[in-house]
Protein backbone atom coordinates (compact mmCIF):
# COMPACT_ATOMS: atom_id res chain seq x y z
CA LYS A 1 0.00 0.00 0.00
CA ARG A 2 2.71 2.46 1.00
CA GLU A 3 4.91 1.40 -1.95
CA ASP A 4 2.01 2.11 -4.30
CA LEU A 5 1.62 5.56 -2.79
CA VAL A 6 5.34 6.27 -3.24
CA ARG A 7 5.18 5.12 -6.89
CA LEU A 8 2.15 7.33 -7.53
CA ILE A 9 3.80 10.36 -5.96
CA SER A 10 6.97 9.67 -7.93
CA LYS A 11 4.98 9.58 -11.19
CA LEU A 12 3.25 12.84 -10.29
CA VAL A 13 6.53 14.54 -9.43
CA SER A 14 8.08 13.39 -12.72
CA THR A 15 5.48 15.49 -14.56
CA LEU A 16 6.60 18.68 -12.79
CA SER A 17 9.17 21.16 -14.03
CA GLU A 18 12.45 21.55 -12.13
CA LYS A 19 11.18 24.83 -10.65
CA GLU A 20 7.95 23.17 -9.48
CA ILE A 21 9.90 20.28 -7.96
CA ASN A 22 12.09 22.76 -6.03
CA LEU A 23 9.01 24.61 -4.76
CA LEU A 24 7.39 21.34 -3.68
CA PHE A 25 10.58 20.18 -2.01
CA ASN A 26 10.90 23.50 -0.15
CA GLU A 27 7.34 23.25 1.14
CA ILE A 28 7.95 19.71 2.38
CA LEU A 29 11.15 20.80 4.14
CA GLU A 30 9.42 23.78 5.76
CA LYS A 31 6.66 21.56 7.09
CA LYS A 32 9.17 19.12 8.57
CA GLU A 33 11.03 22.05 10.13
CA HIS A 34 14.42 20.53 9.43
CA GLY A 35 17.34 22.74 10.08
CA ILE A 36 21.01 22.86 10.73
CA PRO A 37 22.09 23.71 14.28
CA ILE A 38 23.93 27.01 14.41
CA SER A 39 26.84 25.53 16.39
CA VAL A 40 28.06 23.43 13.44
CA PHE A 41 29.23 26.61 11.69
CA LYS A 42 32.01 27.09 14.27
CA ALA A 43 34.01 24.40 12.46
CA PRO A 44 37.00 25.68 10.45
CA LEU A 45 35.25 24.92 7.16
CA SER A 46 33.37 26.83 4.50
CA SER A 47 29.61 27.07 4.96
CA LEU A 48 29.02 24.61 2.10
CA GLU A 49 31.49 22.15 3.60
CA VAL A 50 29.77 22.36 6.99
CA ILE A 51 26.33 21.78 5.50
CA VAL A 52 27.45 18.86 3.34
CA LYS A 53 29.27 17.24 6.27
CA TYR A 54 26.26 17.74 8.56
CA LEU A 55 23.76 16.33 6.08
CA LYS A 56 25.98 13.37 5.15
CA GLU A 57 27.28 12.38 8.58
CA ASN A 58 24.60 13.56 11.01
CA GLN A 59 21.47 13.25 8.90
CA ARG A 60 22.75 10.24 6.91
CA LYS A 61 21.60 11.74 3.62
CA PRO A 62 22.96 10.33 0.35
CA ILE A 63 25.04 12.62 -1.86
CA LYS A 64 22.31 12.77 -4.51
CA GLU A 65 19.71 13.94 -2.00
CA ILE A 66 22.10 16.56 -0.60
CA SER A 67 22.67 17.88 -4.11
CA SER A 68 18.91 18.17 -4.56
CA ILE A 69 18.41 19.92 -1.20
CA LEU A 70 21.15 22.44 -1.96
CA ASN A 71 20.37 22.75 -5.67
CA ARG A 72 23.98 21.90 -6.54
CA LYS A 73 25.52 19.37 -8.92
CA VAL A 74 26.10 15.88 -7.54
CA SER A 75 29.79 16.18 -8.49
CA THR A 76 30.08 19.41 -6.47
CA ILE A 77 28.64 17.74 -3.37
CA TYR A 78 30.74 14.60 -3.86
CA ASN A 79 33.97 16.59 -4.22
CA THR A 80 33.08 18.85 -1.29
CA TYR A 81 32.46 15.86 0.96
CA ALA A 82 35.64 14.09 -0.17
CA LYS A 83 37.64 17.23 0.63
CA VAL A 84 35.95 17.81 3.99
CA LYS A 85 36.65 14.24 5.18
CA GLN A 86 40.38 14.91 4.84
CA LYS A 87 40.27 18.51 6.00
CA PHE A 88 38.11 17.99 9.12
CA PRO A 89 37.68 14.36 10.20
CA SER A 90 36.30 15.35 13.64
CA ASP A 91 32.62 15.48 14.52
CA LEU A 92 30.74 18.74 14.15
CA ASP A 93 29.66 20.65 17.27
CA LEU A 94 25.93 19.96 17.76
CA SER A 95 25.73 21.60 21.19
CA ASP A 96 23.63 24.63 20.23
CA SER A 97 20.39 24.09 18.34
CA SER A 98 18.71 27.23 19.68
CA ILE A 99 18.82 28.50 16.09
CA LEU A 100 18.16 26.08 13.25
CA ILE A 101 19.11 27.22 9.76
CA PRO A 102 16.37 25.94 7.41
CA LEU A 103 17.56 23.93 4.43
CA ASN A 104 15.18 25.61 2.00
CA ILE A 105 17.13 28.90 2.08
CA PHE A 106 19.95 27.31 0.04
CA THR A 107 18.02 26.45 -3.13
CA ASN A 108 18.30 29.91 -4.71
CA ARG A 109 21.64 29.83 -6.52
CA GLN A 110 21.59 33.61 -6.97
CA TYR A 111 22.99 33.88 -3.45
CA SER A 112 26.00 32.15 -1.92
CA ILE A 113 25.52 29.76 0.98
CA LEU A 114 26.99 32.31 3.39
CA GLU A 115 24.85 35.13 1.98
CA SER A 116 21.74 33.02 2.52
CA ILE A 117 22.70 32.23 6.11
CA VAL A 118 23.58 35.82 6.98
CA PHE A 119 20.38 37.17 5.43
CA TYR A 120 18.31 34.58 7.31
CA LEU A 121 19.95 35.46 10.63
CA ILE A 122 19.51 39.21 10.08
CA ASP A 123 16.07 39.18 8.49
CA LYS A 124 14.32 36.29 10.26
CA LYS A 125 16.17 36.11 13.57
CA SER A 126 16.97 39.84 13.95
CA LEU A 127 20.55 39.18 14.99
CA SER A 128 23.29 41.80 14.95
CA ILE A 129 26.43 41.62 12.82
CA SER A 130 28.42 41.05 16.01
CA ASP A 131 26.23 38.13 17.12
CA ILE A 132 26.31 36.56 13.67
CA SER A 133 30.10 36.83 13.47
CA LYS A 134 30.40 34.95 16.79
CA LEU A 135 27.87 32.28 15.80
CA LEU A 136 29.48 31.64 12.42
CA ASN A 137 33.08 32.05 13.59
CA LYS A 138 33.69 34.77 10.99
CA SER A 139 34.97 38.33 11.37
CA GLN A 140 32.48 41.18 11.58
CA SER A 141 33.95 42.68 8.41
CA THR A 142 33.28 39.40 6.57
CA ILE A 143 29.66 39.41 7.75
CA ARG A 144 29.24 43.07 6.73
CA THR A 145 30.70 42.35 3.29
CA VAL A 146 28.40 39.35 2.82
CA GLN A 147 25.41 41.42 3.90
CA ARG A 148 26.34 44.22 1.48
CA ARG A 149 26.70 41.76 -1.42
CA TYR A 150 23.32 40.24 -0.63
CA LYS A 151 21.71 43.72 -0.63
CA ILE A 152 23.37 44.56 -3.97
CA LYS A 153 21.97 41.37 -5.50
CA ILE A 154 18.48 42.05 -4.09
CA ASN A 155 18.51 45.63 -5.43
CA ALA A 156 19.72 44.48 -8.85
CA LYS A 157 16.87 41.96 -8.96
CA ASN A 158 14.22 44.65 -8.31
């Protein structure tokens, strides 16, 4: 019964455009309220590396699913994970989940991973540049630069 339902849903999804599939996937993720604990970003890795490592090792997601979640090529995710295993073999810090970064913010490729995180923390969580720099283990000037680039992209879009 459940297998039949999965097959039916799969057939329905196959009729959708890529944009419609991304919208559907985002809605499903929002309803499940999945997110990435803010503490994982203290690792000495890029934001993409942290997210890929978290999804692969802590959420046990396959590379293909991670590429779909992040709207990135499978090869990009595979290479990122291969690099991160050598670069940072330790476990990520999962101690602070007071702020969960939703996965659906990463599907828009117009913005970098870090731009998406910074915008989310400023816009949705009303955090200061100083607080964000501490949470993400980045300098305040880096956060300001990322914020400025995000604003430039938003203004260019409008």
